[in-house]
């Protein structure tokens, strides 16, 4: 982490307690005059997310503009570096746990990208008290509501969890209690619980059908 800050000439920068601002938008069209520097630092931060899941969303956002970063994107990157300066001692802690229960926490913004209006999903999967998987990525299609954005995030995490559970069962790992997916959108939770699709939600029925098939083994449920 110190090497990244040194390459950016920000070893003595003022630290910040958050990696991204929810209010700052990319409004400038003026291109950054050193795109190679931007790409180098954004790539280094991407490797850093291997042990720093708290950087995943902010770094994912930066990497969307590798081809033509603007002045505003450079400012956002420097904000992430200032957060790294403040949290240089942070890391991923793995400890012995008597529990083998799996649970996943997920969230998504809604039309967070100002260019294509797609939403970004993020989730973290825990085994006992240990974080074992985390993902942050832009959704492939445009969500028509925040409920749909969260619902797509539920489908995405179901895909990952299905793969993890299948792998663990193959190697003889004994799973704990029913896995829970924690979602903070009541509309998405109700949609998972209700198999009746109405006119406004039929276009996301394929996600429900996948989630339903994934749950036939009885290993997960949704909690609001």
Protein backbone atom coordinates (compact mmCIF):
# COMPACT_ATOMS: atom_id res chain seq x y z
CA UNK A 1 0.00 0.00 0.00
CA UNK A 2 2.85 2.33 0.77
CA UNK A 3 4.31 1.65 -2.67
CA UNK A 4 1.05 2.67 -4.36
CA UNK A 5 0.96 5.93 -2.43
CA UNK A 6 4.60 6.57 -3.28
CA UNK A 7 3.98 6.03 -7.00
CA UNK A 8 1.17 8.57 -6.85
CA UNK A 9 3.36 11.03 -4.86
CA UNK A 10 0.77 10.92 -2.08
CA UNK A 11 2.77 9.41 0.77
CA UNK A 12 2.09 12.52 2.87
CA UNK A 13 -1.47 13.16 1.69
CA UNK A 14 -4.31 14.02 4.04
CA UNK A 15 -6.18 10.81 5.03
CA UNK A 16 -9.94 10.31 4.58
CA UNK A 17 -12.29 7.91 6.36
CA UNK A 18 -14.36 6.91 3.30
CA UNK A 19 -13.19 5.70 -0.14
CA UNK A 20 -15.98 7.26 -2.20
CA UNK A 21 -18.43 10.12 -2.07
CA UNK A 22 -22.12 9.47 -2.65
CA UNK A 23 -22.69 13.05 -3.77
CA UNK A 24 -19.77 13.69 -6.10
CA UNK A 25 -20.65 13.08 -9.76
CA UNK A 26 -18.40 12.81 -12.81
CA UNK A 27 -19.47 16.05 -14.51
CA UNK A 28 -16.27 17.15 -16.23
CA UNK A 29 -15.56 16.12 -19.83
CA UNK A 30 -11.96 17.34 -19.67
CA UNK A 31 -9.65 14.36 -20.13
CA UNK A 32 -6.87 13.72 -17.62
CA UNK A 33 -3.51 14.56 -19.20
CA UNK A 34 -1.75 11.41 -17.92
CA UNK A 35 -4.06 8.44 -18.58
CA UNK A 36 -1.20 5.93 -18.19
CA UNK A 37 -0.70 7.04 -14.60
CA UNK A 38 -4.43 6.65 -13.95
CA UNK A 39 -4.46 3.13 -15.44
CA UNK A 40 -1.36 2.08 -13.50
CA UNK A 41 -2.74 3.23 -10.15
CA UNK A 42 -6.25 1.90 -10.79
CA UNK A 43 -4.76 -1.47 -11.73
CA UNK A 44 -2.66 -1.52 -8.57
CA UNK A 45 -5.74 -0.74 -6.49
CA UNK A 46 -7.58 -3.56 -8.23
CA UNK A 47 -4.95 -6.02 -6.99
CA UNK A 48 -5.28 -4.51 -3.52
CA UNK A 49 -8.96 -5.54 -3.39
CA UNK A 50 -7.81 -9.17 -3.05
CA UNK A 51 -7.35 -8.48 0.66
CA UNK A 52 -9.31 -5.23 0.95
CA UNK A 53 -13.00 -5.85 0.13
CA UNK A 54 -13.86 -2.39 1.49
CA UNK A 55 -12.24 -0.94 -1.64
CA UNK A 56 -14.19 -3.08 -4.12
CA UNK A 57 -16.99 -0.66 -4.99
CA UNK A 58 -14.82 2.44 -5.33
CA UNK A 59 -12.14 0.65 -7.37
CA UNK A 60 -14.73 -1.02 -9.60
CA UNK A 61 -16.13 2.42 -10.32
CA UNK A 62 -12.69 3.75 -11.24
CA UNK A 63 -11.89 0.85 -13.57
CA UNK A 64 -14.94 1.60 -15.70
CA UNK A 65 -13.12 4.62 -17.14
CA UNK A 66 -9.70 3.16 -17.92
CA UNK A 67 -9.98 4.03 -21.63
CA UNK A 68 -10.51 7.78 -21.21
CA UNK A 69 -10.29 9.05 -17.61
CA UNK A 70 -11.30 12.64 -16.96
CA UNK A 71 -10.14 15.15 -14.36
CA UNK A 72 -13.06 14.12 -12.14
CA UNK A 73 -12.10 10.45 -12.35
CA UNK A 74 -8.57 11.36 -11.29
CA UNK A 75 -10.00 13.22 -8.29
CA UNK A 76 -12.04 10.14 -7.35
CA UNK A 77 -8.92 7.98 -7.61
CA UNK A 78 -7.00 10.33 -5.35
CA UNK A 79 -9.83 10.12 -2.83
CA UNK A 80 -9.44 6.33 -2.75
CA UNK A 81 -5.70 6.76 -2.20
CA UNK A 82 -6.36 9.15 0.69
CA UNK A 83 -8.62 6.48 2.21
CA UNK A 84 -5.84 3.90 1.75
CA UNK A 85 -3.54 6.29 3.62
CA UNK A 86 -6.00 6.37 6.53
CA UNK A 87 -6.46 2.58 6.60
CA UNK A 88 -2.99 1.32 5.78
CA UNK A 89 -3.19 -1.19 8.65
CA UNK A 90 -6.50 -2.68 7.48
CA UNK A 91 -6.61 -6.24 6.14
CA UNK A 92 -8.67 -9.41 5.96
CA UNK A 93 -8.76 -11.34 9.22
CA UNK A 94 -9.41 -15.09 9.21
CA UNK A 95 -9.95 -16.87 12.52
CA UNK A 96 -10.94 -20.34 13.67
CA UNK A 97 -14.72 -20.62 13.87
CA UNK A 98 -16.88 -23.36 15.34
CA UNK A 99 -19.75 -22.40 13.01
CA UNK A 100 -20.07 -23.57 9.41
CA UNK A 101 -23.20 -21.54 8.76
CA UNK A 102 -23.18 -19.56 5.54
CA UNK A 103 -24.78 -16.16 5.16
CA UNK A 104 -24.52 -13.45 2.54
CA UNK A 105 -25.07 -9.71 2.75
CA UNK A 106 -25.91 -7.86 -0.46
CA UNK A 107 -26.80 -4.42 -1.69
CA UNK A 108 -27.03 -2.45 -4.92
CA UNK A 109 -27.39 1.12 -6.00
CA UNK A 110 -30.02 2.05 -8.56
CA UNK A 111 -29.00 3.53 -11.95
CA UNK A 112 -25.74 4.53 -10.29
CA UNK A 113 -23.85 4.92 -13.56
CA UNK A 114 -24.57 8.29 -15.15
CA UNK A 115 -23.53 7.02 -18.60
CA UNK A 116 -25.59 3.88 -19.23
CA UNK A 117 -27.86 4.05 -16.15
CA UNK A 118 -27.00 0.53 -15.03
CA UNK A 119 -26.91 -0.41 -11.37
CA UNK A 120 -23.98 -1.85 -9.43
CA UNK A 121 -24.35 -4.91 -7.20
CA UNK A 122 -22.15 -5.91 -4.31
CA UNK A 123 -22.27 -8.82 -1.91
CA UNK A 124 -20.19 -10.57 0.73
CA UNK A 125 -20.45 -14.25 1.67
CA UNK A 126 -19.45 -15.41 5.15
CA UNK A 127 -18.69 -18.87 6.52
CA UNK A 128 -19.14 -18.53 10.24
CA UNK A 129 -17.39 -15.28 11.14
CA UNK A 130 -15.00 -15.36 8.16
CA UNK A 131 -15.48 -13.52 4.89
CA UNK A 132 -14.84 -16.03 2.09
CA UNK A 133 -16.15 -14.30 -1.05
CA UNK A 134 -16.94 -10.77 -2.12
CA UNK A 135 -17.96 -9.33 -5.48
CA UNK A 136 -18.80 -5.89 -6.81
CA UNK A 137 -19.84 -5.49 -10.45
CA UNK A 138 -22.16 -3.58 -12.74
CA UNK A 139 -25.39 -5.32 -13.67
CA UNK A 140 -25.78 -6.40 -17.30
CA UNK A 141 -29.19 -4.82 -17.84
CA UNK A 142 -30.90 -1.60 -16.77
CA UNK A 143 -33.18 -1.99 -13.74
CA UNK A 144 -36.53 -0.22 -13.88
CA UNK A 145 -36.79 0.15 -10.10
CA UNK A 146 -34.71 -0.20 -6.96
CA UNK A 147 -36.63 -3.41 -6.21
CA UNK A 148 -35.56 -4.88 -9.53
CA UNK A 149 -31.94 -3.82 -8.95
CA UNK A 150 -31.91 -5.56 -5.57
CA UNK A 151 -33.71 -8.58 -7.02
CA UNK A 152 -31.04 -8.97 -9.69
CA UNK A 153 -28.41 -8.76 -6.96
CA UNK A 154 -30.19 -11.61 -5.15
CA UNK A 155 -30.08 -13.69 -8.33
CA UNK A 156 -26.36 -12.94 -8.80
CA UNK A 157 -25.43 -13.94 -5.27
CA UNK A 158 -27.54 -17.11 -5.68
CA UNK A 159 -25.33 -18.08 -8.63
CA UNK A 160 -22.15 -17.67 -6.58
CA UNK A 161 -23.51 -19.40 -3.49
CA UNK A 162 -24.82 -22.32 -5.55
CA UNK A 163 -21.32 -22.86 -6.92
CA UNK A 164 -19.66 -22.59 -3.48
CA UNK A 165 -22.12 -24.99 -1.84
CA UNK A 166 -21.76 -27.49 -4.70
CA UNK A 167 -17.96 -27.36 -4.43
CA UNK A 168 -17.97 -27.79 -0.66
CA UNK A 169 -20.36 -30.76 -0.85
CA UNK A 170 -18.09 -32.41 -3.42
CA UNK A 171 -15.13 -32.29 -1.04
CA UNK A 172 -17.22 -33.55 1.89
CA UNK A 173 -17.62 -30.28 3.77
CA UNK A 174 -20.49 -30.39 6.25
CA UNK A 175 -22.72 -27.36 5.92
CA UNK A 176 -24.40 -25.72 8.87
CA UNK A 177 -27.89 -24.30 9.10
CA UNK A 178 -29.93 -22.88 6.23
CA UNK A 179 -28.01 -20.19 4.41
CA UNK A 180 -29.54 -16.72 4.59
CA UNK A 181 -29.31 -13.89 2.11
CA UNK A 182 -29.62 -10.54 3.84
CA UNK A 183 -31.31 -7.92 1.66
CA UNK A 184 -32.40 -4.45 2.81
CA UNK A 185 -35.10 -4.01 0.13
CA UNK A 186 -38.51 -5.23 1.29
CA UNK A 187 -39.89 -5.20 -2.25
CA UNK A 188 -37.19 -7.63 -3.42
CA UNK A 189 -37.68 -9.85 -0.36
CA UNK A 190 -41.45 -9.99 -0.91
CA UNK A 191 -40.91 -10.73 -4.59
CA UNK A 192 -38.72 -13.73 -3.68
CA UNK A 193 -41.35 -14.98 -1.24
CA UNK A 194 -44.27 -14.58 -3.66
CA UNK A 195 -44.18 -16.83 -6.75
CA UNK A 196 -46.97 -14.87 -8.46
CA UNK A 197 -45.54 -12.44 -11.02
CA UNK A 198 -47.61 -9.47 -12.08
CA UNK A 199 -47.44 -7.41 -15.26
CA UNK A 200 -44.75 -5.09 -13.92
CA UNK A 201 -42.47 -7.91 -12.80
CA UNK A 202 -42.82 -10.61 -15.46
CA UNK A 203 -39.65 -9.42 -17.17
CA UNK A 204 -37.59 -10.59 -14.17
CA UNK A 205 -39.27 -13.98 -13.84
CA UNK A 206 -36.18 -15.78 -15.15
CA UNK A 207 -34.25 -14.60 -12.07
CA UNK A 208 -36.95 -15.98 -9.81
CA UNK A 209 -36.94 -19.33 -11.62
CA UNK A 210 -33.18 -19.62 -11.14
CA UNK A 211 -33.44 -18.72 -7.46
CA UNK A 212 -36.25 -21.25 -7.05
CA UNK A 213 -34.19 -24.03 -8.67
CA UNK A 214 -31.17 -23.09 -6.54
CA UNK A 215 -33.25 -23.35 -3.39
CA UNK A 216 -34.56 -26.87 -4.06
CA UNK A 217 -31.77 -28.26 -1.90
CA UNK A 218 -33.12 -26.22 1.00
CA UNK A 219 -29.95 -24.31 1.74
CA UNK A 220 -30.98 -20.68 1.55
CA UNK A 221 -33.63 -18.16 2.35
CA UNK A 222 -34.05 -14.41 2.08
CA UNK A 223 -34.14 -12.13 5.09
CA UNK A 224 -35.17 -8.49 4.82
